Amino acid sequence: MTYIVDICDTLYYSNTTYDFAGFFLRRRNRFRYWGFRLICSRKSPVFYGLIIISAITRRDIHKKLVLRLLNGYNRDVLYEIASQFYFGFLKGREIKAVHKMLQAAVETRAEICLVSATIDPVAQVIARELKVDCLSSVLQYTDDICQGYLQKDLTGIKENTVRERYAGKQLTVITDNYSDYILVQNAHKSFVVIHNKKEEEKWKKLNPILLYPDRL
């Protein structure tokens, strides 16, 4: 059995790309950090303006601008701060029910892969610490310097990526993400993390095993 596990709001209460960017910039560049706050804070009018632009263009403008704020930083520095992010931020935000399942799978020596659209510094550090494999979006680097955009974006293509890597294998999928619908649909066994009632209704047709971490 091969386990395919989402990261954001499945393993951790976190949108890890945004949380990492804020964590990183607060420590490395206070000017850029305030730019990050303008883009991402719900108290900022810029945040709502970008929602409108994103709706019109059908592009995630918030994410594109946040990634631009990482432009010019060395890959090693990003990975070093990602390790600090893991221990200083994510370790207090585990979704314990999923971590317990993951640990049980590790103990049986099952094949496990974290599959997430989060960026590679975050995904690689999490996978290293949990001793599992990972597939993620990847930042563009030139001579080890981040260019502020993605060389590979897993958003919307996770199912294709998993099918290419694990063709013919029985999959157990663990996710909270409705964009993983086809992954869940095609899985041998599936677990869906539910954070609110609306999400529960969306998944009824597939009848996965539902996990309610907020009730535990």
N, C-alpha and C. Protein backbone atom coordinates (compact mmCIF):
# COMPACT_ATOMS: atom_id res chain seq x y z
N MET A 1 0.84 -1.20 0.00
CA MET A 1 0.00 0.00 0.00
C MET A 1 0.88 1.25 0.00
N THR A 2 0.54 2.20 -0.84
CA THR A 2 1.25 3.48 -0.92
C THR A 2 0.34 4.58 -0.37
N TYR A 3 0.86 5.36 0.55
CA TYR A 3 0.11 6.46 1.16
C TYR A 3 0.46 7.77 0.46
N ILE A 4 -0.57 8.48 0.03
CA ILE A 4 -0.42 9.81 -0.56
C ILE A 4 -1.05 10.80 0.40
N VAL A 5 -0.25 11.72 0.92
CA VAL A 5 -0.71 12.57 2.02
C VAL A 5 -0.50 14.04 1.67
N ASP A 6 -1.58 14.80 1.76
CA ASP A 6 -1.52 16.26 1.58
C ASP A 6 -0.83 16.88 2.81
N ILE A 7 -0.38 18.12 2.69
CA ILE A 7 0.30 18.78 3.81
C ILE A 7 -0.58 19.87 4.45
N CYS A 8 -0.95 20.88 3.68
CA CYS A 8 -1.62 22.05 4.25
C CYS A 8 -3.04 21.70 4.71
N ASP A 9 -3.31 21.95 5.98
CA ASP A 9 -4.59 21.67 6.62
C ASP A 9 -4.95 20.19 6.60
N THR A 10 -3.96 19.34 6.31
CA THR A 10 -4.12 17.89 6.45
C THR A 10 -3.14 17.38 7.50
N LEU A 11 -1.88 17.71 7.33
CA LEU A 11 -0.87 17.37 8.35
C LEU A 11 -0.74 18.48 9.39
N TYR A 12 -0.95 19.72 8.96
CA TYR A 12 -0.77 20.88 9.84
C TYR A 12 -1.88 21.89 9.61
N TYR A 13 -2.25 22.58 10.68
CA TYR A 13 -3.16 23.71 10.54
C TYR A 13 -2.35 24.88 9.99
N SER A 14 -2.15 24.89 8.71
CA SER A 14 -1.29 25.91 8.10
C SER A 14 -1.42 25.88 6.59
N ASN A 15 -1.46 27.07 5.98
CA ASN A 15 -1.16 27.19 4.56
C ASN A 15 0.34 27.44 4.52
N THR A 16 1.10 26.40 4.28
CA THR A 16 2.54 26.46 4.57
C THR A 16 3.31 27.41 3.66
N THR A 17 2.88 27.60 2.42
CA THR A 17 3.58 28.54 1.55
C THR A 17 3.52 29.95 2.13
N TYR A 18 2.33 30.39 2.50
CA TYR A 18 2.16 31.75 3.04
C TYR A 18 2.78 31.87 4.42
N ASP A 19 2.56 30.89 5.26
CA ASP A 19 3.11 30.96 6.62
C ASP A 19 4.63 30.94 6.60
N PHE A 20 5.21 30.14 5.71
CA PHE A 20 6.67 30.14 5.60
C PHE A 20 7.19 31.47 5.09
N ALA A 21 6.54 32.02 4.07
CA ALA A 21 7.00 33.30 3.51
C ALA A 21 6.98 34.38 4.59
N GLY A 22 5.91 34.44 5.38
CA GLY A 22 5.84 35.42 6.46
C GLY A 22 6.92 35.19 7.50
N PHE A 23 7.11 33.92 7.87
CA PHE A 23 8.14 33.54 8.84
C PHE A 23 9.52 33.94 8.34
N PHE A 24 9.79 33.64 7.08
CA PHE A 24 11.09 33.93 6.47
C PHE A 24 11.36 35.44 6.39
N LEU A 25 10.41 36.16 5.84
CA LEU A 25 10.61 37.58 5.60
C LEU A 25 10.71 38.37 6.90
N ARG A 26 9.99 37.95 7.91
CA ARG A 26 10.05 38.64 9.20
C ARG A 26 11.46 38.58 9.77
N ARG A 27 12.19 37.52 9.44
CA ARG A 27 13.54 37.34 9.97
C ARG A 27 14.61 37.90 9.04
N ARG A 28 14.33 37.99 7.74
CA ARG A 28 15.37 38.36 6.80
C ARG A 28 15.24 39.74 6.20
N ASN A 29 14.00 40.26 6.11
CA ASN A 29 13.82 41.54 5.43
C ASN A 29 12.52 42.18 5.90
N ARG A 30 12.65 43.09 6.86
CA ARG A 30 11.45 43.69 7.45
C ARG A 30 10.66 44.50 6.44
N PHE A 31 11.33 45.13 5.49
CA PHE A 31 10.62 45.91 4.46
C PHE A 31 9.74 44.99 3.62
N ARG A 32 10.31 43.88 3.16
CA ARG A 32 9.52 42.93 2.39
C ARG A 32 8.43 42.29 3.25
N TYR A 33 8.70 42.13 4.53
CA TYR A 33 7.68 41.55 5.41
C TYR A 33 6.44 42.43 5.45
N TRP A 34 6.63 43.75 5.48
CA TRP A 34 5.46 44.64 5.48
C TRP A 34 4.74 44.57 4.14
N GLY A 35 5.48 44.33 3.07
CA GLY A 35 4.84 44.10 1.79
C GLY A 35 3.99 42.84 1.83
N PHE A 36 4.54 41.82 2.45
CA PHE A 36 3.80 40.56 2.64
C PHE A 36 2.51 40.81 3.42
N ARG A 37 2.59 41.62 4.46
CA ARG A 37 1.40 41.91 5.26
C ARG A 37 0.34 42.65 4.45
N LEU A 38 0.78 43.57 3.62
CA LEU A 38 -0.17 44.29 2.76
C LEU A 38 -0.91 43.34 1.83
N ILE A 39 -0.17 42.35 1.32
CA ILE A 39 -0.76 41.40 0.38
C ILE A 39 -1.70 40.42 1.07
N CYS A 40 -1.34 39.98 2.28
CA CYS A 40 -2.01 38.83 2.90
C CYS A 40 -2.91 39.13 4.08
N SER A 41 -2.77 40.30 4.69
CA SER A 41 -3.58 40.59 5.87
C SER A 41 -5.01 40.93 5.48
N ARG A 42 -5.98 40.33 6.16
CA ARG A 42 -7.39 40.63 5.90
C ARG A 42 -7.78 42.02 6.38
N LYS A 43 -6.88 42.69 7.06
CA LYS A 43 -7.10 44.07 7.46
C LYS A 43 -6.63 45.06 6.38
N SER A 44 -6.00 44.53 5.35
CA SER A 44 -5.44 45.37 4.30
C SER A 44 -6.40 45.48 3.11
N PRO A 45 -6.66 46.69 2.63
CA PRO A 45 -7.50 46.83 1.42
C PRO A 45 -6.85 46.20 0.19
N VAL A 46 -5.52 46.11 0.20
CA VAL A 46 -4.82 45.48 -0.92
C VAL A 46 -5.24 44.01 -1.06
N PHE A 47 -5.40 43.36 0.08
CA PHE A 47 -5.81 41.95 0.09
C PHE A 47 -7.10 41.75 -0.70
N TYR A 48 -8.08 42.61 -0.45
CA TYR A 48 -9.39 42.46 -1.10
C TYR A 48 -9.35 42.90 -2.56
N GLY A 49 -8.50 43.88 -2.85
CA GLY A 49 -8.33 44.27 -4.24
C GLY A 49 -7.74 43.14 -5.06
N LEU A 50 -6.80 42.40 -4.46
CA LEU A 50 -6.18 41.28 -5.17
C LEU A 50 -7.15 40.13 -5.37
N ILE A 51 -8.11 39.98 -4.44
CA ILE A 51 -9.15 38.95 -4.63
C ILE A 51 -9.94 39.24 -5.89
N ILE A 52 -10.29 40.51 -6.09
CA ILE A 52 -11.06 40.89 -7.28
C ILE A 52 -10.25 40.64 -8.55
N ILE A 53 -8.97 41.03 -8.52
CA ILE A 53 -8.11 40.82 -9.69
C ILE A 53 -7.95 39.33 -9.98
N SER A 54 -7.79 38.54 -8.92
CA SER A 54 -7.65 37.09 -9.09
C SER A 54 -8.90 36.49 -9.71
N ALA A 55 -10.06 36.97 -9.29
CA ALA A 55 -11.32 36.45 -9.83
C ALA A 55 -11.45 36.79 -11.31
N ILE A 56 -11.02 37.98 -11.67
CA ILE A 56 -11.12 38.42 -13.07
C ILE A 56 -10.13 37.65 -13.95
N THR A 57 -8.91 37.51 -13.46
CA THR A 57 -7.85 36.89 -14.27
C THR A 57 -7.79 35.38 -14.13
N ARG A 58 -8.48 34.84 -13.11
CA ARG A 58 -8.44 33.41 -12.79
C ARG A 58 -7.03 32.94 -12.50
N ARG A 59 -6.27 33.80 -11.84
CA ARG A 59 -4.90 33.47 -11.42
C ARG A 59 -4.75 33.82 -9.95
N ASP A 60 -3.92 33.05 -9.25
CA ASP A 60 -3.72 33.28 -7.82
C ASP A 60 -2.68 34.41 -7.66
N ILE A 61 -3.17 35.64 -7.70
CA ILE A 61 -2.28 36.80 -7.65
C ILE A 61 -1.59 36.91 -6.29
N HIS A 62 -2.30 36.59 -5.22
CA HIS A 62 -1.67 36.62 -3.89
C HIS A 62 -0.41 35.75 -3.87
N LYS A 63 -0.54 34.53 -4.36
CA LYS A 63 0.59 33.60 -4.32
C LYS A 63 1.73 34.09 -5.19
N LYS A 64 1.41 34.59 -6.38
CA LYS A 64 2.45 35.08 -7.28
C LYS A 64 3.25 36.22 -6.63
N LEU A 65 2.55 37.14 -5.98
CA LEU A 65 3.23 38.28 -5.34
C LEU A 65 4.04 37.84 -4.13
N VAL A 66 3.49 36.90 -3.37
CA VAL A 66 4.23 36.40 -2.20
C VAL A 66 5.52 35.72 -2.64
N LEU A 67 5.45 34.91 -3.68
CA LEU A 67 6.66 34.25 -4.17
C LEU A 67 7.68 35.25 -4.70
N ARG A 68 7.22 36.34 -5.28
CA ARG A 68 8.15 37.38 -5.74
C ARG A 68 8.96 37.96 -4.60
N LEU A 69 8.39 37.96 -3.41
CA LEU A 69 9.10 38.49 -2.25
C LEU A 69 10.27 37.60 -1.82
N LEU A 70 10.32 36.38 -2.33
CA LEU A 70 11.43 35.47 -2.04
C LEU A 70 12.55 35.58 -3.07
N ASN A 71 12.35 36.43 -4.06
CA ASN A 71 13.34 36.63 -5.12
C ASN A 71 14.69 37.10 -4.54
N GLY A 72 15.77 36.48 -5.02
CA GLY A 72 17.11 36.93 -4.66
C GLY A 72 17.73 36.20 -3.49
N TYR A 73 16.99 35.30 -2.86
CA TYR A 73 17.54 34.59 -1.71
C TYR A 73 18.15 33.26 -2.14
N ASN A 74 19.23 32.90 -1.48
CA ASN A 74 19.94 31.67 -1.78
C ASN A 74 19.12 30.45 -1.36
N ARG A 75 19.19 29.40 -2.17
CA ARG A 75 18.45 28.17 -1.87
C ARG A 75 18.79 27.63 -0.48
N ASP A 76 20.06 27.63 -0.12
CA ASP A 76 20.47 27.09 1.18
C ASP A 76 19.86 27.90 2.33
N VAL A 77 19.77 29.22 2.14
CA VAL A 77 19.17 30.06 3.18
C VAL A 77 17.68 29.75 3.32
N LEU A 78 17.00 29.58 2.20
CA LEU A 78 15.58 29.23 2.25
C LEU A 78 15.37 27.90 2.97
N TYR A 79 16.21 26.92 2.68
CA TYR A 79 16.08 25.61 3.32
C TYR A 79 16.44 25.68 4.80
N GLU A 80 17.43 26.49 5.13
CA GLU A 80 17.81 26.65 6.53
C GLU A 80 16.67 27.27 7.34
N ILE A 81 16.05 28.32 6.81
CA ILE A 81 14.93 28.95 7.51
C ILE A 81 13.71 28.04 7.50
N ALA A 82 13.55 27.22 6.46
CA ALA A 82 12.46 26.25 6.42
C ALA A 82 12.58 25.25 7.57
N SER A 83 13.79 24.88 7.91
CA SER A 83 14.00 23.99 9.05
C SER A 83 13.58 24.69 10.35
N GLN A 84 13.94 25.96 10.49
CA GLN A 84 13.51 26.73 11.66
C GLN A 84 11.99 26.86 11.68
N PHE A 85 11.40 27.05 10.52
CA PHE A 85 9.94 27.14 10.39
C PHE A 85 9.28 25.85 10.86
N TYR A 86 9.86 24.73 10.47
CA TYR A 86 9.30 23.44 10.88
C TYR A 86 9.29 23.31 12.40
N PHE A 87 10.43 23.57 13.02
CA PHE A 87 10.53 23.37 14.47
C PHE A 87 9.89 24.51 15.27
N GLY A 88 9.92 25.72 14.72
CA GLY A 88 9.43 26.87 15.47
C GLY A 88 7.98 27.24 15.21
N PHE A 89 7.40 26.69 14.13
CA PHE A 89 6.03 27.05 13.77
C PHE A 89 5.14 25.82 13.58
N LEU A 90 5.53 24.94 12.66
CA LEU A 90 4.65 23.81 12.34
C LEU A 90 4.53 22.81 13.47
N LYS A 91 5.59 22.62 14.25
CA LYS A 91 5.56 21.60 15.31
C LYS A 91 4.46 21.85 16.32
N GLY A 92 3.98 23.05 16.43
CA GLY A 92 2.88 23.34 17.35
C GLY A 92 1.52 23.30 16.70
N ARG A 93 1.49 22.93 15.41
CA ARG A 93 0.23 22.99 14.66
C ARG A 93 -0.11 21.67 13.97
N GLU A 94 0.39 20.57 14.50
CA GLU A 94 0.09 19.26 13.91
C GLU A 94 -1.39 18.92 14.04
N ILE A 95 -1.92 18.30 13.01
CA ILE A 95 -3.23 17.67 13.10
C ILE A 95 -2.97 16.24 13.56
N LYS A 96 -3.16 16.04 14.84
CA LYS A 96 -2.64 14.85 15.52
C LYS A 96 -3.23 13.55 14.98
N ALA A 97 -4.50 13.55 14.59
CA ALA A 97 -5.11 12.32 14.08
C ALA A 97 -4.38 11.83 12.83
N VAL A 98 -3.99 12.76 11.96
CA VAL A 98 -3.30 12.39 10.72
C VAL A 98 -1.87 11.97 11.01
N HIS A 99 -1.21 12.68 11.92
CA HIS A 99 0.16 12.30 12.28
C HIS A 99 0.20 10.90 12.90
N LYS A 100 -0.81 10.58 13.67
CA LYS A 100 -0.88 9.25 14.28
C LYS A 100 -1.01 8.18 13.19
N MET A 101 -1.86 8.44 12.20
CA MET A 101 -2.00 7.50 11.08
C MET A 101 -0.69 7.37 10.31
N LEU A 102 -0.03 8.50 10.09
CA LEU A 102 1.23 8.50 9.34
C LEU A 102 2.31 7.71 10.07
N GLN A 103 2.39 7.91 11.38
CA GLN A 103 3.38 7.20 12.18
C GLN A 103 3.13 5.70 12.14
N ALA A 104 1.86 5.30 12.19
CA ALA A 104 1.53 3.87 12.12
C ALA A 104 1.97 3.30 10.77
N ALA A 105 1.77 4.08 9.70
CA ALA A 105 2.19 3.63 8.36
C ALA A 105 3.71 3.52 8.27
N VAL A 106 4.41 4.48 8.86
CA VAL A 106 5.89 4.45 8.87
C VAL A 106 6.38 3.19 9.58
N GLU A 107 5.75 2.85 10.68
CA GLU A 107 6.17 1.68 11.47
C GLU A 107 5.96 0.37 10.71
N THR A 108 5.01 0.36 9.77
CA THR A 108 4.81 -0.84 8.95
C THR A 108 5.68 -0.82 7.70
N ARG A 109 6.52 0.21 7.57
CA ARG A 109 7.41 0.38 6.43
C ARG A 109 6.65 0.53 5.11
N ALA A 110 5.48 1.13 5.21
CA ALA A 110 4.70 1.41 4.01
C ALA A 110 5.38 2.50 3.20
N GLU A 111 5.11 2.53 1.93
CA GLU A 111 5.60 3.60 1.05
C GLU A 111 4.73 4.82 1.27
N ILE A 112 5.36 5.96 1.60
CA ILE A 112 4.61 7.17 1.94
C ILE A 112 5.18 8.34 1.16
N CYS A 113 4.29 9.13 0.56
CA CYS A 113 4.72 10.32 -0.16
C CYS A 113 3.81 11.49 0.18
N LEU A 114 4.41 12.58 0.63
CA LEU A 114 3.67 13.82 0.81
C LEU A 114 3.53 14.48 -0.55
N VAL A 115 2.31 14.81 -0.93
CA VAL A 115 2.07 15.41 -2.24
C VAL A 115 1.34 16.72 -2.02
N SER A 116 2.01 17.82 -2.34
CA SER A 116 1.47 19.14 -1.98
C SER A 116 1.91 20.19 -2.98
N ALA A 117 1.07 21.20 -3.17
CA ALA A 117 1.44 22.35 -4.01
C ALA A 117 2.30 23.36 -3.26
N THR A 118 2.62 23.08 -2.00
CA THR A 118 3.51 23.97 -1.27
C THR A 118 4.89 23.97 -1.91
N ILE A 119 5.74 24.93 -1.53
CA ILE A 119 7.04 25.08 -2.18
C ILE A 119 8.07 24.11 -1.60
N ASP A 120 9.10 23.83 -2.39
CA ASP A 120 10.06 22.78 -2.06
C ASP A 120 10.82 22.97 -0.75
N PRO A 121 11.23 24.18 -0.32
CA PRO A 121 11.93 24.24 0.97
C PRO A 121 11.09 23.69 2.12
N VAL A 122 9.80 23.99 2.10
CA VAL A 122 8.91 23.51 3.16
C VAL A 122 8.67 22.01 3.03
N ALA A 123 8.28 21.56 1.85
CA ALA A 123 7.96 20.14 1.65
C ALA A 123 9.16 19.25 1.93
N GLN A 124 10.34 19.66 1.47
CA GLN A 124 11.53 18.84 1.66
C GLN A 124 11.90 18.70 3.13
N VAL A 125 11.79 19.77 3.88
CA VAL A 125 12.12 19.73 5.30
C VAL A 125 11.13 18.84 6.06
N ILE A 126 9.84 19.00 5.77
CA ILE A 126 8.83 18.17 6.43
C ILE A 126 9.07 16.70 6.11
N ALA A 127 9.30 16.39 4.84
CA ALA A 127 9.54 15.00 4.44
C ALA A 127 10.78 14.43 5.12
N ARG A 128 11.82 15.24 5.21
CA ARG A 128 13.05 14.79 5.87
C ARG A 128 12.80 14.45 7.33
N GLU A 129 12.09 15.32 8.03
CA GLU A 129 11.86 15.11 9.46
C GLU A 129 10.90 13.95 9.72
N LEU A 130 9.96 13.72 8.80
CA LEU A 130 9.00 12.62 8.97
C LEU A 130 9.51 11.32 8.35
N LYS A 131 10.66 11.42 7.66
CA LYS A 131 11.30 10.25 7.04
C LYS A 131 10.41 9.61 5.96
N VAL A 132 9.88 10.47 5.10
CA VAL A 132 9.04 10.02 3.99
C VAL A 132 9.48 10.72 2.72
N ASP A 133 8.88 10.34 1.60
CA ASP A 133 9.16 10.97 0.31
C ASP A 133 8.24 12.17 0.12
N CYS A 134 8.49 12.98 -0.90
CA CYS A 134 7.58 14.08 -1.17
C CYS A 134 7.62 14.49 -2.64
N LEU A 135 6.50 15.02 -3.09
CA LEU A 135 6.36 15.68 -4.38
C LEU A 135 5.73 17.03 -4.11
N SER A 136 6.30 18.09 -4.66
CA SER A 136 5.78 19.43 -4.35
C SER A 136 6.02 20.36 -5.52
N SER A 137 5.48 21.56 -5.41
CA SER A 137 5.88 22.63 -6.31
C SER A 137 7.35 22.96 -6.05
N VAL A 138 8.02 23.50 -7.06
CA VAL A 138 9.45 23.78 -6.93
C VAL A 138 9.73 25.21 -7.40
N LEU A 139 10.41 25.97 -6.56
CA LEU A 139 10.82 27.31 -6.94
C LEU A 139 11.86 27.28 -8.05
N GLN A 140 11.87 28.31 -8.87
CA GLN A 140 12.89 28.45 -9.91
C GLN A 140 14.16 29.02 -9.27
N TYR A 141 15.28 28.33 -9.50
CA TYR A 141 16.57 28.80 -9.00
C TYR A 141 17.52 28.96 -10.19
N THR A 142 18.30 30.02 -10.16
CA THR A 142 19.38 30.21 -11.12
C THR A 142 20.66 30.42 -10.32
N ASP A 143 21.63 29.52 -10.53
CA ASP A 143 22.85 29.54 -9.72
C ASP A 143 22.51 29.54 -8.23
N ASP A 144 21.51 28.74 -7.86
CA ASP A 144 21.06 28.56 -6.48
C ASP A 144 20.38 29.79 -5.89
N ILE A 145 20.02 30.75 -6.72
CA ILE A 145 19.31 31.94 -6.25
C ILE A 145 17.85 31.85 -6.69
N CYS A 146 16.95 32.01 -5.74
CA CYS A 146 15.53 31.95 -6.03
C CYS A 146 15.12 33.12 -6.93
N GLN A 147 14.35 32.82 -7.96
CA GLN A 147 13.93 33.84 -8.92
C GLN A 147 12.55 34.43 -8.61
N GLY A 148 11.90 33.90 -7.58
CA GLY A 148 10.63 34.49 -7.16
C GLY A 148 9.42 33.99 -7.91
N TYR A 149 9.56 32.84 -8.57
CA TYR A 149 8.41 32.22 -9.21
C TYR A 149 8.67 30.71 -9.27
N LEU A 150 7.68 29.96 -9.73
CA LEU A 150 7.77 28.51 -9.69
C LEU A 150 8.32 27.95 -11.00
N GLN A 151 9.24 27.02 -10.86
CA GLN A 151 9.70 26.25 -12.01
C GLN A 151 8.73 25.09 -12.28
N LYS A 152 8.12 24.58 -11.19
CA LYS A 152 7.11 23.53 -11.30
C LYS A 152 6.00 23.83 -10.31
N ASP A 153 4.77 23.82 -10.79
CA ASP A 153 3.62 24.11 -9.95
C ASP A 153 2.70 22.90 -9.93
N LEU A 154 2.50 22.31 -8.74
CA LEU A 154 1.65 21.13 -8.62
C LEU A 154 0.17 21.47 -8.49
N THR A 155 -0.14 22.74 -8.40
CA THR A 155 -1.55 23.14 -8.26
C THR A 155 -2.36 22.61 -9.45
N GLY A 156 -3.37 21.82 -9.13
CA GLY A 156 -4.27 21.31 -10.16
C GLY A 156 -3.78 20.11 -10.93
N ILE A 157 -2.54 19.66 -10.69
CA ILE A 157 -2.03 18.49 -11.43
C ILE A 157 -1.51 17.40 -10.50
N LYS A 158 -1.91 17.43 -9.25
CA LYS A 158 -1.43 16.42 -8.30
C LYS A 158 -1.81 15.02 -8.74
N GLU A 159 -3.03 14.85 -9.24
CA GLU A 159 -3.50 13.52 -9.65
C GLU A 159 -2.63 12.98 -10.79
N ASN A 160 -2.31 13.83 -11.76
CA ASN A 160 -1.45 13.41 -12.88
C ASN A 160 -0.06 13.02 -12.38
N THR A 161 0.49 13.80 -11.47
CA THR A 161 1.82 13.55 -10.94
C THR A 161 1.88 12.25 -10.17
N VAL A 162 0.86 12.01 -9.36
CA VAL A 162 0.80 10.76 -8.59
C VAL A 162 0.65 9.57 -9.52
N ARG A 163 -0.19 9.69 -10.54
CA ARG A 163 -0.41 8.59 -11.47
C ARG A 163 0.88 8.23 -12.20
N GLU A 164 1.67 9.25 -12.57
CA GLU A 164 2.94 8.99 -13.25
C GLU A 164 3.93 8.26 -12.34
N ARG A 165 3.98 8.69 -11.09
CA ARG A 165 4.97 8.12 -10.15
C ARG A 165 4.54 6.74 -9.63
N TYR A 166 3.25 6.57 -9.40
CA TYR A 166 2.79 5.36 -8.70
C TYR A 166 1.79 4.54 -9.52
N ALA A 167 1.97 4.52 -10.80
CA ALA A 167 1.07 3.77 -11.69
C ALA A 167 0.99 2.31 -11.28
N GLY A 168 -0.24 1.81 -11.19
CA GLY A 168 -0.45 0.40 -10.89
C GLY A 168 -0.43 0.04 -9.42
N LYS A 169 -0.17 1.02 -8.55
CA LYS A 169 -0.11 0.73 -7.12
C LYS A 169 -1.43 1.08 -6.43
N GLN A 170 -1.74 0.32 -5.37
CA GLN A 170 -2.92 0.64 -4.57
C GLN A 170 -2.59 1.83 -3.68
N LEU A 171 -3.44 2.84 -3.71
CA LEU A 171 -3.18 4.08 -3.00
C LEU A 171 -4.15 4.28 -1.84
N THR A 172 -3.61 4.75 -0.72
CA THR A 172 -4.41 5.31 0.35
C THR A 172 -4.17 6.81 0.35
N VAL A 173 -5.20 7.59 0.16
CA VAL A 173 -5.07 9.05 0.06
C VAL A 173 -5.62 9.69 1.34
N ILE A 174 -4.85 10.64 1.87
CA ILE A 174 -5.28 11.41 3.04
C ILE A 174 -5.18 12.88 2.67
N THR A 175 -6.29 13.59 2.70
CA THR A 175 -6.30 15.00 2.28
C THR A 175 -7.49 15.73 2.90
N ASP A 176 -7.41 17.05 2.88
CA ASP A 176 -8.58 17.86 3.21
C ASP A 176 -9.04 18.64 1.98
N ASN A 177 -8.28 18.50 0.90
CA ASN A 177 -8.37 19.42 -0.23
C ASN A 177 -9.35 18.92 -1.28
N TYR A 178 -10.39 19.70 -1.56
CA TYR A 178 -11.39 19.27 -2.52
C TYR A 178 -10.83 19.18 -3.94
N SER A 179 -9.75 19.89 -4.21
CA SER A 179 -9.12 19.78 -5.52
C SER A 179 -8.47 18.40 -5.71
N ASP A 180 -8.39 17.61 -4.64
CA ASP A 180 -7.88 16.23 -4.73
C ASP A 180 -9.01 15.23 -4.98
N TYR A 181 -10.15 15.71 -5.45
CA TYR A 181 -11.33 14.87 -5.64
C TYR A 181 -11.03 13.63 -6.47
N ILE A 182 -10.32 13.80 -7.60
CA ILE A 182 -10.05 12.66 -8.47
C ILE A 182 -9.09 11.68 -7.80
N LEU A 183 -8.11 12.20 -7.06
CA LEU A 183 -7.21 11.32 -6.29
C LEU A 183 -8.01 10.46 -5.32
N VAL A 184 -8.94 11.09 -4.61
CA VAL A 184 -9.77 10.37 -3.65
C VAL A 184 -10.67 9.37 -4.37
N GLN A 185 -11.23 9.80 -5.47
CA GLN A 185 -12.13 8.95 -6.24
C GLN A 185 -11.43 7.67 -6.72
N ASN A 186 -10.18 7.78 -7.11
CA ASN A 186 -9.45 6.64 -7.67
C ASN A 186 -8.66 5.85 -6.64
N ALA A 187 -8.67 6.29 -5.40
CA ALA A 187 -7.88 5.62 -4.36
C ALA A 187 -8.51 4.29 -3.95
N HIS A 188 -7.66 3.36 -3.53
CA HIS A 188 -8.15 2.11 -2.95
C HIS A 188 -8.84 2.38 -1.61
N LYS A 189 -8.27 3.33 -0.85
CA LYS A 189 -8.84 3.74 0.43
C LYS A 189 -8.56 5.23 0.61
N SER A 190 -9.50 5.96 1.17
CA SER A 190 -9.30 7.40 1.30
C SER A 190 -9.83 7.93 2.63
N PHE A 191 -9.11 8.91 3.14
CA PHE A 191 -9.48 9.61 4.37
C PHE A 191 -9.52 11.11 4.06
N VAL A 192 -10.59 11.76 4.43
CA VAL A 192 -10.72 13.20 4.18
C VAL A 192 -10.86 13.92 5.51
N VAL A 193 -9.98 14.90 5.71
CA VAL A 193 -10.01 15.72 6.92
C VAL A 193 -11.08 16.79 6.75
N ILE A 194 -12.00 16.85 7.69
CA ILE A 194 -13.14 17.77 7.61
C ILE A 194 -13.00 18.86 8.67
N HIS A 195 -13.02 20.12 8.20
CA HIS A 195 -12.89 21.25 9.12
C HIS A 195 -14.20 21.99 9.34
N ASN A 196 -15.18 21.77 8.45
CA ASN A 196 -16.49 22.41 8.66
C ASN A 196 -17.58 21.62 7.93
N LYS A 197 -18.81 21.93 8.24
CA LYS A 197 -19.96 21.18 7.73
C LYS A 197 -20.06 21.25 6.20
N LYS A 198 -19.75 22.39 5.61
CA LYS A 198 -19.84 22.52 4.16
C LYS A 198 -18.92 21.53 3.45
N GLU A 199 -17.73 21.33 4.00
CA GLU A 199 -16.79 20.39 3.42
C GLU A 199 -17.36 18.97 3.47
N GLU A 200 -18.00 18.64 4.55
CA GLU A 200 -18.59 17.31 4.71
C GLU A 200 -19.59 17.02 3.59
N GLU A 201 -20.41 18.01 3.28
CA GLU A 201 -21.43 17.84 2.24
C GLU A 201 -20.80 17.58 0.87
N LYS A 202 -19.69 18.26 0.58
CA LYS A 202 -19.04 18.12 -0.73
C LYS A 202 -18.59 16.68 -1.01
N TRP A 203 -18.18 15.97 0.05
CA TRP A 203 -17.56 14.67 -0.13
C TRP A 203 -18.53 13.50 -0.09
N LYS A 204 -19.80 13.77 0.19
CA LYS A 204 -20.76 12.69 0.41
C LYS A 204 -20.82 11.69 -0.75
N LYS A 205 -20.73 12.19 -1.97
CA LYS A 205 -20.87 11.32 -3.15
C LYS A 205 -19.80 10.23 -3.18
N LEU A 206 -18.58 10.55 -2.75
CA LEU A 206 -17.48 9.57 -2.79
C LEU A 206 -17.44 8.68 -1.56
N ASN A 207 -18.07 9.12 -0.49
CA ASN A 207 -18.14 8.34 0.75
C ASN A 207 -16.77 7.90 1.28
N PRO A 208 -15.81 8.84 1.40
CA PRO A 208 -14.52 8.48 2.02
C PRO A 208 -14.69 8.37 3.53
N ILE A 209 -13.66 7.90 4.20
CA ILE A 209 -13.66 7.91 5.66
C ILE A 209 -13.36 9.34 6.11
N LEU A 210 -14.23 9.92 6.90
CA LEU A 210 -14.10 11.32 7.30
C LEU A 210 -13.41 11.43 8.66
N LEU A 211 -12.47 12.35 8.74
CA LEU A 211 -11.75 12.63 9.98
C LEU A 211 -12.13 14.02 10.47
N TYR A 212 -12.43 14.13 11.76
CA TYR A 212 -12.86 15.41 12.34
C TYR A 212 -11.87 15.81 13.43
N PRO A 213 -10.70 16.35 13.04
CA PRO A 213 -9.66 16.64 14.05
C PRO A 213 -10.09 17.67 15.07
N ASP A 214 -10.95 18.62 14.68
CA ASP A 214 -11.35 19.68 15.62
C ASP A 214 -12.26 19.15 16.71
N ARG A 215 -12.77 17.92 16.56
CA ARG A 215 -13.63 17.34 17.57
C ARG A 215 -12.86 16.45 18.54
N LEU A 216 -11.57 16.19 18.22
CA LEU A 216 -10.79 15.26 19.01
C LEU A 216 -10.17 15.94 20.22
